[in-house]
């Protein structure tokens, strides 16, 4: 993927309330272009559950993402979407995608 029109999404790890002062920022990247969202999975992730939520709070797309198949086909219209990924280790990453 890649290209000058690609939407880059930075997914930040949601903080564990049991360890709120844990140092270090953990994140992953995702890219959306022309109906395809592709992820750069961390090395220790075997799979993750993807949910895409629209600005009304409705889940509009779900998929399982793996290192062997790090992309999903999803066509999104203009708007703001929340991208939520939960890994096999129960770590949640969340980010926002704005399409104009």
PDB file of N, CA and C in Angstrom:
ATOM      1  N   UNK A   1       0.855  -1.183   0.000  1.00  0.00           N
ATOM      2  CA  UNK A   1       0.000   0.000   0.000  1.00  0.00           C
ATOM      3  C   UNK A   1       0.888   1.229   0.000  1.00  0.00           C
ATOM      4  N   UNK A   2       0.278   2.320   0.151  1.00  0.00           N
ATOM      5  CA  UNK A   2       1.042   3.548   0.177  1.00  0.00           C
ATOM      6  C   UNK A   2       0.698   4.368  -1.044  1.00  0.00           C
ATOM      7  N   UNK A   3       1.012   5.589  -1.005  1.00  0.00           N
ATOM      8  CA  UNK A   3       0.663   6.500  -2.077  1.00  0.00           C
ATOM      9  C   UNK A   3       0.251   7.811  -1.453  1.00  0.00           C
ATOM     10  N   UNK A   4       0.259   8.838  -2.273  1.00  0.00           N
ATOM     11  CA  UNK A   4       0.033  10.162  -1.709  1.00  0.00           C
ATOM     12  C   UNK A   4      -1.385  10.372  -1.200  1.00  0.00           C
ATOM     13  N   UNK A   5      -2.347   9.551  -1.617  1.00  0.00           N
ATOM     14  CA  UNK A   5      -3.728   9.743  -1.180  1.00  0.00           C
ATOM     15  C   UNK A   5      -4.147   8.771  -0.079  1.00  0.00           C
ATOM     16  N   UNK A   6      -3.220   7.976   0.410  1.00  0.00           N
ATOM     17  CA  UNK A   6      -3.548   6.995   1.440  1.00  0.00           C
ATOM     18  C   UNK A   6      -3.860   7.693   2.760  1.00  0.00           C
ATOM     19  N   UNK A   7      -4.938   7.241   3.405  1.00  0.00           N
ATOM     20  CA  UNK A   7      -5.266   7.717   4.744  1.00  0.00           C
ATOM     21  C   UNK A   7      -4.493   6.876   5.746  1.00  0.00           C
ATOM     22  N   UNK A   8      -3.671   7.514   6.564  1.00  0.00           N
ATOM     23  CA  UNK A   8      -2.891   6.818   7.578  1.00  0.00           C
ATOM     24  C   UNK A   8      -3.628   6.931   8.907  1.00  0.00           C
ATOM     25  N   UNK A   9      -3.777   5.810   9.589  1.00  0.00           N
ATOM     26  CA  UNK A   9      -4.443   5.776  10.881  1.00  0.00           C
ATOM     27  C   UNK A   9      -3.425   5.305  11.908  1.00  0.00           C
ATOM     28  N   UNK A  10      -3.247   6.062  12.975  1.00  0.00           N
ATOM     29  CA  UNK A  10      -2.397   5.644  14.082  1.00  0.00           C
ATOM     30  C   UNK A  10      -3.321   5.106  15.171  1.00  0.00           C
ATOM     31  N   UNK A  11      -3.161   3.828  15.486  1.00  0.00           N
ATOM     32  CA  UNK A  11      -3.984   3.187  16.502  1.00  0.00           C
ATOM     33  C   UNK A  11      -3.174   3.118  17.787  1.00  0.00           C
ATOM     34  N   UNK A  12      -3.632   3.818  18.806  1.00  0.00           N
ATOM     35  CA  UNK A  12      -2.939   3.848  20.090  1.00  0.00           C
ATOM     36  C   UNK A  12      -3.472   2.762  21.005  1.00  0.00           C
ATOM     37  N   UNK A  13      -2.570   2.192  21.790  1.00  0.00           N
ATOM     38  CA  UNK A  13      -2.980   1.187  22.762  1.00  0.00           C
ATOM     39  C   UNK A  13      -3.800   1.857  23.840  1.00  0.00           C
ATOM     40  N   UNK A  14      -4.957   1.278  24.144  1.00  0.00           N
ATOM     41  CA  UNK A  14      -5.779   1.809  25.231  1.00  0.00           C
ATOM     42  C   UNK A  14      -5.123   1.418  26.543  1.00  0.00           C
ATOM     43  N   UNK A  15      -5.080   2.353  27.482  1.00  0.00           N
ATOM     44  CA  UNK A  15      -4.400   2.122  28.752  1.00  0.00           C
ATOM     45  C   UNK A  15      -5.166   1.154  29.635  1.00  0.00           C
ATOM     46  N   UNK A  16      -4.441   0.268  30.237  1.00  0.00           N
ATOM     47  CA  UNK A  16      -5.010  -0.674  31.197  1.00  0.00           C
ATOM     48  C   UNK A  16      -5.215   0.077  32.505  1.00  0.00           C
ATOM     49  N   UNK A  17      -6.422   0.077  33.019  1.00  0.00           N
ATOM     50  CA  UNK A  17      -6.704   0.833  34.242  1.00  0.00           C
ATOM     51  C   UNK A  17      -5.990   0.249  35.454  1.00  0.00           C
ATOM     52  N   UNK A  18      -5.547  -1.002  35.357  1.00  0.00           N
ATOM     53  CA  UNK A  18      -4.823  -1.614  36.478  1.00  0.00           C
ATOM     54  C   UNK A  18      -3.377  -1.137  36.545  1.00  0.00           C
ATOM     55  N   UNK A  19      -2.863  -0.648  35.423  1.00  0.00           N
ATOM     56  CA  UNK A  19      -1.482  -0.153  35.369  1.00  0.00           C
ATOM     57  C   UNK A  19      -1.448   1.203  34.677  1.00  0.00           C
ATOM     58  N   UNK A  20      -2.093   2.226  35.250  1.00  0.00           N
ATOM     59  CA  UNK A  20      -2.231   3.505  34.536  1.00  0.00           C
ATOM     60  C   UNK A  20      -0.929   4.264  34.346  1.00  0.00           C
ATOM     61  N   UNK A  21       0.104   3.977  35.133  1.00  0.00           N
ATOM     62  CA  UNK A  21       1.340   4.743  35.021  1.00  0.00           C
ATOM     63  C   UNK A  21       2.423   3.999  34.249  1.00  0.00           C
ATOM     64  N   UNK A  22       2.048   2.937  33.569  1.00  0.00           N
ATOM     65  CA  UNK A  22       3.012   2.178  32.784  1.00  0.00           C
ATOM     66  C   UNK A  22       3.580   3.086  31.692  1.00  0.00           C
ATOM     67  N   UNK A  23       4.899   3.093  31.559  1.00  0.00           N
ATOM     68  CA  UNK A  23       5.527   4.001  30.606  1.00  0.00           C
ATOM     69  C   UNK A  23       5.599   3.359  29.225  1.00  0.00           C
ATOM     70  N   UNK A  24       5.826   4.193  28.239  1.00  0.00           N
ATOM     71  CA  UNK A  24       5.993   3.722  26.880  1.00  0.00           C
ATOM     72  C   UNK A  24       4.705   3.828  26.084  1.00  0.00           C
ATOM     73  N   UNK A  25       4.813   4.362  24.915  1.00  0.00           N
ATOM     74  CA  UNK A  25       3.663   4.503  24.031  1.00  0.00           C
ATOM     75  C   UNK A  25       3.679   3.330  23.059  1.00  0.00           C
ATOM     76  N   UNK A  26       2.589   2.599  22.991  1.00  0.00           N
ATOM     77  CA  UNK A  26       2.480   1.474  22.078  1.00  0.00           C
ATOM     78  C   UNK A  26       1.402   1.809  21.059  1.00  0.00           C
ATOM     79  N   UNK A  27       1.730   1.620  19.781  1.00  0.00           N
ATOM     80  CA  UNK A  27       0.764   1.928  18.732  1.00  0.00           C
ATOM     81  C   UNK A  27       1.043   1.058  17.513  1.00  0.00           C
ATOM     82  N   UNK A  28       0.100   1.050  16.578  1.00  0.00           N
ATOM     83  CA  UNK A  28       0.315   0.410  15.287  1.00  0.00           C
ATOM     84  C   UNK A  28      -0.288   1.296  14.205  1.00  0.00           C
ATOM     85  N   UNK A  29       0.130   1.036  12.985  1.00  0.00           N
ATOM     86  CA  UNK A  29      -0.367   1.817  11.853  1.00  0.00           C
ATOM     87  C   UNK A  29      -1.349   1.006  11.026  1.00  0.00           C
ATOM     88  N   UNK A  30      -2.306   1.722  10.443  1.00  0.00           N
ATOM     89  CA  UNK A  30      -3.211   1.153   9.458  1.00  0.00           C
ATOM     90  C   UNK A  30      -3.319   2.160   8.319  1.00  0.00           C
ATOM     91  N   UNK A  31      -3.671   1.672   7.155  1.00  0.00           N
ATOM     92  CA  UNK A  31      -3.780   2.509   5.965  1.00  0.00           C
ATOM     93  C   UNK A  31      -5.095   2.185   5.274  1.00  0.00           C
ATOM     94  N   UNK A  32      -5.780   3.224   4.792  1.00  0.00           N
ATOM     95  CA  UNK A  32      -7.031   3.012   4.065  1.00  0.00           C
ATOM     96  C   UNK A  32      -6.943   3.706   2.717  1.00  0.00           C
ATOM     97  N   UNK A  33      -7.233   2.948   1.666  1.00  0.00           N
ATOM     98  CA  UNK A  33      -7.241   3.534   0.332  1.00  0.00           C
ATOM     99  C   UNK A  33      -8.101   2.671  -0.581  1.00  0.00           C
ATOM    100  N   UNK A  34      -9.046   3.311  -1.271  1.00  0.00           N
ATOM    101  CA  UNK A  34      -9.849   2.681  -2.323  1.00  0.00           C
ATOM    102  C   UNK A  34     -10.470   1.353  -1.889  1.00  0.00           C
ATOM    103  N   UNK A  35     -11.103   1.336  -0.720  1.00  0.00           N
ATOM    104  CA  UNK A  35     -11.827   0.150  -0.292  1.00  0.00           C
ATOM    105  C   UNK A  35     -11.010  -0.918   0.401  1.00  0.00           C
ATOM    106  N   UNK A  36      -9.754  -0.620   0.701  1.00  0.00           N
ATOM    107  CA  UNK A  36      -8.904  -1.593   1.389  1.00  0.00           C
ATOM    108  C   UNK A  36      -8.263  -0.932   2.602  1.00  0.00           C
ATOM    109  N   UNK A  37      -8.390  -1.594   3.768  1.00  0.00           N
ATOM    110  CA  UNK A  37      -7.709  -1.152   4.975  1.00  0.00           C
ATOM    111  C   UNK A  37      -6.663  -2.199   5.305  1.00  0.00           C
ATOM    112  N   UNK A  38      -5.416  -1.754   5.426  1.00  0.00           N
ATOM    113  CA  UNK A  38      -4.298  -2.662   5.688  1.00  0.00           C
ATOM    114  C   UNK A  38      -3.611  -2.266   6.980  1.00  0.00           C
ATOM    115  N   UNK A  39      -3.181  -3.263   7.739  1.00  0.00           N
ATOM    116  CA  UNK A  39      -2.596  -3.046   9.059  1.00  0.00           C
ATOM    117  C   UNK A  39      -1.150  -3.507   9.110  1.00  0.00           C
ATOM    118  N   UNK A  40      -0.336  -2.809   9.920  1.00  0.00           N
ATOM    119  CA  UNK A  40       1.005  -3.253  10.274  1.00  0.00           C
ATOM    120  C   UNK A  40       0.899  -3.839  11.677  1.00  0.00           C
ATOM    121  N   UNK A  41       0.772  -5.151  11.761  1.00  0.00           N
ATOM    122  CA  UNK A  41       0.587  -5.806  13.056  1.00  0.00           C
ATOM    123  C   UNK A  41       1.898  -5.881  13.824  1.00  0.00           C
ATOM    124  N   UNK A  42       1.844  -5.687  15.147  1.00  0.00           N
ATOM    125  CA  UNK A  42       3.032  -5.889  15.974  1.00  0.00           C
ATOM    126  C   UNK A  42       3.502  -7.343  15.844  1.00  0.00           C
ATOM    127  N   UNK A  43       4.792  -7.583  16.028  1.00  0.00           N
ATOM    128  CA  UNK A  43       5.381  -8.911  15.831  1.00  0.00           C
ATOM    129  C   UNK A  43       4.770  -9.973  16.736  1.00  0.00           C
ATOM    130  N   UNK A  44       4.292  -9.591  17.908  1.00  0.00           N
ATOM    131  CA  UNK A  44       3.774 -10.581  18.856  1.00  0.00           C
ATOM    132  C   UNK A  44       2.272 -10.854  18.696  1.00  0.00           C
ATOM    133  N   UNK A  45       1.655 -10.351  17.628  1.00  0.00           N
ATOM    134  CA  UNK A  45       0.221 -10.542  17.418  1.00  0.00           C
ATOM    135  C   UNK A  45      -0.016 -11.656  16.409  1.00  0.00           C
ATOM    136  N   UNK A  46      -0.777 -12.684  16.819  1.00  0.00           N
ATOM    137  CA  UNK A  46      -1.138 -13.788  15.922  1.00  0.00           C
ATOM    138  C   UNK A  46      -2.398 -13.465  15.131  1.00  0.00           C
ATOM    139  N   UNK A  47      -3.336 -12.747  15.762  1.00  0.00           N
ATOM    140  CA  UNK A  47      -4.534 -12.286  15.089  1.00  0.00           C
ATOM    141  C   UNK A  47      -5.160 -11.183  15.921  1.00  0.00           C
ATOM    142  N   UNK A  48      -6.065 -10.428  15.300  1.00  0.00           N
ATOM    143  CA  UNK A  48      -6.823  -9.424  16.041  1.00  0.00           C
ATOM    144  C   UNK A  48      -8.193  -9.275  15.417  1.00  0.00           C
ATOM    145  N   UNK A  49      -9.140  -8.885  16.265  1.00  0.00           N
ATOM    146  CA  UNK A  49     -10.501  -8.623  15.827  1.00  0.00           C
ATOM    147  C   UNK A  49     -10.613  -7.133  15.513  1.00  0.00           C
ATOM    148  N   UNK A  50     -11.103  -6.824  14.334  1.00  0.00           N
ATOM    149  CA  UNK A  50     -11.277  -5.450  13.870  1.00  0.00           C
ATOM    150  C   UNK A  50     -12.751  -5.081  13.936  1.00  0.00           C
ATOM    151  N   UNK A  51     -13.034  -3.892  14.458  1.00  0.00           N
ATOM    152  CA  UNK A  51     -14.371  -3.305  14.392  1.00  0.00           C
ATOM    153  C   UNK A  51     -14.231  -1.883  13.876  1.00  0.00           C
ATOM    154  N   UNK A  52     -15.063  -1.525  12.914  1.00  0.00           N
ATOM    155  CA  UNK A  52     -15.123  -0.150  12.424  1.00  0.00           C
ATOM    156  C   UNK A  52     -16.481   0.398  12.831  1.00  0.00           C
ATOM    157  N   UNK A  53     -16.445   1.537  13.552  1.00  0.00           N
ATOM    158  CA  UNK A  53     -17.652   2.132  14.118  1.00  0.00           C
ATOM    159  C   UNK A  53     -17.869   3.489  13.465  1.00  0.00           C
ATOM    160  N   UNK A  54     -19.106   3.742  13.026  1.00  0.00           N
ATOM    161  CA  UNK A  54     -19.397   5.038  12.406  1.00  0.00           C
ATOM    162  C   UNK A  54     -19.653   6.114  13.467  1.00  0.00           C
ATOM    163  N   UNK A  55     -19.891   7.346  13.009  1.00  0.00           N
ATOM    164  CA  UNK A  55     -20.046   8.465  13.951  1.00  0.00           C
ATOM    165  C   UNK A  55     -21.338   8.389  14.763  1.00  0.00           C
ATOM    166  N   UNK A  56     -22.235   7.457  14.437  1.00  0.00           N
ATOM    167  CA  UNK A  56     -23.457   7.258  15.221  1.00  0.00           C
ATOM    168  C   UNK A  56     -23.278   6.150  16.258  1.00  0.00           C
ATOM    169  N   UNK A  57     -22.092   5.542  16.288  1.00  0.00           N
ATOM    170  CA  UNK A  57     -21.820   4.483  17.256  1.00  0.00           C
ATOM    171  C   UNK A  57     -22.169   3.082  16.776  1.00  0.00           C
ATOM    172  N   UNK A  58     -22.551   2.953  15.509  1.00  0.00           N
ATOM    173  CA  UNK A  58     -22.914   1.640  14.968  1.00  0.00           C
ATOM    174  C   UNK A  58     -21.686   0.936  14.397  1.00  0.00           C
ATOM    175  N   UNK A  59     -21.543  -0.342  14.709  1.00  0.00           N
ATOM    176  CA  UNK A  59     -20.466  -1.144  14.124  1.00  0.00           C
ATOM    177  C   UNK A  59     -20.877  -1.456  12.689  1.00  0.00           C
ATOM    178  N   UNK A  60     -20.063  -0.995  11.736  1.00  0.00           N
ATOM    179  CA  UNK A  60     -20.427  -1.170  10.327  1.00  0.00           C
ATOM    180  C   UNK A  60     -19.596  -2.234   9.629  1.00  0.00           C
ATOM    181  N   UNK A  61     -18.501  -2.687  10.275  1.00  0.00           N
ATOM    182  CA  UNK A  61     -17.651  -3.707   9.657  1.00  0.00           C
ATOM    183  C   UNK A  61     -16.854  -4.411  10.746  1.00  0.00           C
ATOM    184  N   UNK A  62     -16.768  -5.729  10.631  1.00  0.00           N
ATOM    185  CA  UNK A  62     -15.901  -6.508  11.515  1.00  0.00           C
ATOM    186  C   UNK A  62     -15.131  -7.499  10.662  1.00  0.00           C
ATOM    187  N   UNK A  63     -13.949  -7.877  11.149  1.00  0.00           N
ATOM    188  CA  UNK A  63     -13.130  -8.851  10.437  1.00  0.00           C
ATOM    189  C   UNK A  63     -12.051  -9.350  11.388  1.00  0.00           C
ATOM    190  N   UNK A  64     -11.430 -10.455  11.008  1.00  0.00           N
ATOM    191  CA  UNK A  64     -10.270 -10.962  11.733  1.00  0.00           C
ATOM    192  C   UNK A  64      -9.050 -10.683  10.869  1.00  0.00           C
ATOM    193  N   UNK A  65      -8.061 -10.018  11.465  1.00  0.00           N
ATOM    194  CA  UNK A  65      -6.836  -9.630  10.760  1.00  0.00           C
ATOM    195  C   UNK A  65      -5.699 -10.516  11.258  1.00  0.00           C
ATOM    196  N   UNK A  66      -4.903 -11.059  10.347  1.00  0.00           N
ATOM    197  CA  UNK A  66      -3.762 -11.904  10.698  1.00  0.00           C
ATOM    198  C   UNK A  66      -2.516 -11.404   9.981  1.00  0.00           C
ATOM    199  N   UNK A  67      -1.325 -11.829  10.433  1.00  0.00           N
ATOM    200  CA  UNK A  67      -0.108 -11.448   9.704  1.00  0.00           C
ATOM    201  C   UNK A  67      -0.120 -11.965   8.256  1.00  0.00           C
ATOM    202  N   UNK A  68      -0.757 -13.115   8.026  1.00  0.00           N
ATOM    203  CA  UNK A  68      -0.830 -13.674   6.678  1.00  0.00           C
ATOM    204  C   UNK A  68      -1.827 -12.915   5.797  1.00  0.00           C
ATOM    205  N   UNK A  69      -2.842 -12.328   6.423  1.00  0.00           N
ATOM    206  CA  UNK A  69      -3.857 -11.567   5.697  1.00  0.00           C
ATOM    207  C   UNK A  69      -4.120 -10.265   6.464  1.00  0.00           C
ATOM    208  N   UNK A  70      -3.212  -9.276   6.328  1.00  0.00           N
ATOM    209  CA  UNK A  70      -3.299  -8.057   7.146  1.00  0.00           C
ATOM    210  C   UNK A  70      -4.245  -6.991   6.607  1.00  0.00           C
ATOM    211  N   UNK A  71      -5.086  -7.344   5.640  1.00  0.00           N
ATOM    212  CA  UNK A  71      -5.969  -6.346   5.032  1.00  0.00           C
ATOM    213  C   UNK A  71      -7.415  -6.827   5.048  1.00  0.00           C
ATOM    214  N   UNK A  72      -8.330  -5.864   4.954  1.00  0.00           N
ATOM    215  CA  UNK A  72      -9.751  -6.160   4.842  1.00  0.00           C
ATOM    216  C   UNK A  72     -10.342  -5.248   3.781  1.00  0.00           C
ATOM    217  N   UNK A  73     -11.327  -5.751   3.075  1.00  0.00           N
ATOM    218  CA  UNK A  73     -12.004  -4.960   2.058  1.00  0.00           C
ATOM    219  C   UNK A  73     -13.214  -4.300   2.687  1.00  0.00           C
ATOM    220  N   UNK A  74     -13.224  -2.980   2.683  1.00  0.00           N
ATOM    221  CA  UNK A  74     -14.336  -2.222   3.252  1.00  0.00           C
ATOM    222  C   UNK A  74     -14.420  -0.882   2.529  1.00  0.00           C
ATOM    223  N   UNK A  75     -15.612  -0.565   2.047  1.00  0.00           N
ATOM    224  CA  UNK A  75     -15.815   0.693   1.334  1.00  0.00           C
ATOM    225  C   UNK A  75     -16.483   1.685   2.273  1.00  0.00           C
ATOM    226  N   UNK A  76     -15.781   2.785   2.538  1.00  0.00           N
ATOM    227  CA  UNK A  76     -16.261   3.789   3.481  1.00  0.00           C
ATOM    228  C   UNK A  76     -16.556   5.087   2.743  1.00  0.00           C
ATOM    229  N   UNK A  77     -17.706   5.674   3.045  1.00  0.00           N
ATOM    230  CA  UNK A  77     -18.048   6.968   2.468  1.00  0.00           C
ATOM    231  C   UNK A  77     -17.444   8.071   3.335  1.00  0.00           C
ATOM    232  N   UNK A  78     -17.617   9.307   2.915  1.00  0.00           N
ATOM    233  CA  UNK A  78     -17.086  10.439   3.676  1.00  0.00           C
ATOM    234  C   UNK A  78     -17.655  10.409   5.094  1.00  0.00           C
ATOM    235  N   UNK A  79     -16.790  10.668   6.065  1.00  0.00           N
ATOM    236  CA  UNK A  79     -17.216  10.671   7.459  1.00  0.00           C
ATOM    237  C   UNK A  79     -16.057  10.369   8.388  1.00  0.00           C
ATOM    238  N   UNK A  80     -16.391  10.227   9.660  1.00  0.00           N
ATOM    239  CA  UNK A  80     -15.394   9.935  10.694  1.00  0.00           C
ATOM    240  C   UNK A  80     -15.713   8.561  11.268  1.00  0.00           C
ATOM    241  N   UNK A  81     -14.708   7.725  11.356  1.00  0.00           N
ATOM    242  CA  UNK A  81     -14.863   6.359  11.828  1.00  0.00           C
ATOM    243  C   UNK A  81     -13.882   6.066  12.957  1.00  0.00           C
ATOM    244  N   UNK A  82     -14.296   5.251  13.905  1.00  0.00           N
ATOM    245  CA  UNK A  82     -13.409   4.779  14.960  1.00  0.00           C
ATOM    246  C   UNK A  82     -12.983   3.364  14.588  1.00  0.00           C
ATOM    247  N   UNK A  83     -11.682   3.139  14.594  1.00  0.00           N
ATOM    248  CA  UNK A  83     -11.120   1.835  14.263  1.00  0.00           C
ATOM    249  C   UNK A  83     -10.671   1.205  15.582  1.00  0.00           C
ATOM    250  N   UNK A  84     -11.219   0.036  15.903  1.00  0.00           N
ATOM    251  CA  UNK A  84     -10.906  -0.647  17.161  1.00  0.00           C
ATOM    252  C   UNK A  84     -10.375  -2.038  16.823  1.00  0.00           C
ATOM    253  N   UNK A  85      -9.198  -2.358  17.358  1.00  0.00           N
ATOM    254  CA  UNK A  85      -8.578  -3.660  17.136  1.00  0.00           C
ATOM    255  C   UNK A  85      -8.253  -4.280  18.488  1.00  0.00           C
ATOM    256  N   UNK A  86      -8.704  -5.511  18.695  1.00  0.00           N
ATOM    257  CA  UNK A  86      -8.402  -6.244  19.920  1.00  0.00           C
ATOM    258  C   UNK A  86      -7.574  -7.460  19.539  1.00  0.00           C
ATOM    259  N   UNK A  87      -6.356  -7.546  20.080  1.00  0.00           N
ATOM    260  CA  UNK A  87      -5.439  -8.616  19.706  1.00  0.00           C
ATOM    261  C   UNK A  87      -5.740  -9.905  20.460  1.00  0.00           C
ATOM    262  N   UNK A  88      -5.054 -10.968  20.050  1.00  0.00           N
ATOM    263  CA  UNK A  88      -5.190 -12.265  20.695  1.00  0.00           C
ATOM    264  C   UNK A  88      -4.741 -12.223  22.156  1.00  0.00           C
ATOM    265  N   UNK A  89      -3.936 -11.240  22.532  1.00  0.00           N
ATOM    266  CA  UNK A  89      -3.496 -11.074  23.929  1.00  0.00           C
ATOM    267  C   UNK A  89      -4.429 -10.128  24.688  1.00  0.00           C
ATOM    268  N   UNK A  90      -5.586  -9.797  24.079  1.00  0.00           N
ATOM    269  CA  UNK A  90      -6.599  -8.933  24.681  1.00  0.00           C
ATOM    270  C   UNK A  90      -6.119  -7.491  24.875  1.00  0.00           C
ATOM    271  N   UNK A  91      -5.226  -7.054  24.005  1.00  0.00           N
ATOM    272  CA  UNK A  91      -4.781  -5.662  23.985  1.00  0.00           C
ATOM    273  C   UNK A  91      -5.640  -4.928  22.970  1.00  0.00           C
ATOM    274  N   UNK A  92      -6.149  -3.767  23.340  1.00  0.00           N
ATOM    275  CA  UNK A  92      -7.014  -2.994  22.432  1.00  0.00           C
ATOM    276  C   UNK A  92      -6.269  -1.774  21.921  1.00  0.00           C
ATOM    277  N   UNK A  93      -6.340  -1.583  20.617  1.00  0.00           N
ATOM    278  CA  UNK A  93      -5.803  -0.405  19.943  1.00  0.00           C
ATOM    279  C   UNK A  93      -6.979   0.334  19.330  1.00  0.00           C
ATOM    280  N   UNK A  94      -6.925   1.668  19.389  1.00  0.00           N
ATOM    281  CA  UNK A  94      -8.036   2.462  18.854  1.00  0.00           C
ATOM    282  C   UNK A  94      -7.503   3.693  18.163  1.00  0.00           C
ATOM    283  N   UNK A  95      -8.140   4.055  17.047  1.00  0.00           N
ATOM    284  CA  UNK A  95      -7.755   5.251  16.317  1.00  0.00           C
ATOM    285  C   UNK A  95      -8.937   5.780  15.528  1.00  0.00           C
ATOM    286  N   UNK A  96      -8.746   6.935  14.894  1.00  0.00           N
ATOM    287  CA  UNK A  96      -9.809   7.590  14.141  1.00  0.00           C
ATOM    288  C   UNK A  96      -9.389   7.754  12.694  1.00  0.00           C
ATOM    289  N   UNK A  97     -10.340   7.485  11.798  1.00  0.00           N
ATOM    290  CA  UNK A  97     -10.139   7.694  10.372  1.00  0.00           C
ATOM    291  C   UNK A  97     -11.156   8.725   9.910  1.00  0.00           C
ATOM    292  N   UNK A  98     -10.672   9.803   9.305  1.00  0.00           N
ATOM    293  CA  UNK A  98     -11.559  10.826   8.728  1.00  0.00           C
ATOM    294  C   UNK A  98     -11.425  10.787   7.227  1.00  0.00           C
ATOM    295  N   UNK A  99     -12.549  10.638   6.561  1.00  0.00           N
ATOM    296  CA  UNK A  99     -12.559  10.629   5.087  1.00  0.00           C
ATOM    297  C   UNK A  99     -13.400  11.809   4.630  1.00  0.00           C
ATOM    298  N   UNK A 100     -12.810  12.616   3.737  1.00  0.00           N
ATOM    299  CA  UNK A 100     -13.548  13.788   3.248  1.00  0.00           C
ATOM    300  C   UNK A 100     -13.910  13.619   1.790  1.00  0.00           C
TER     301      UNK A 100
END
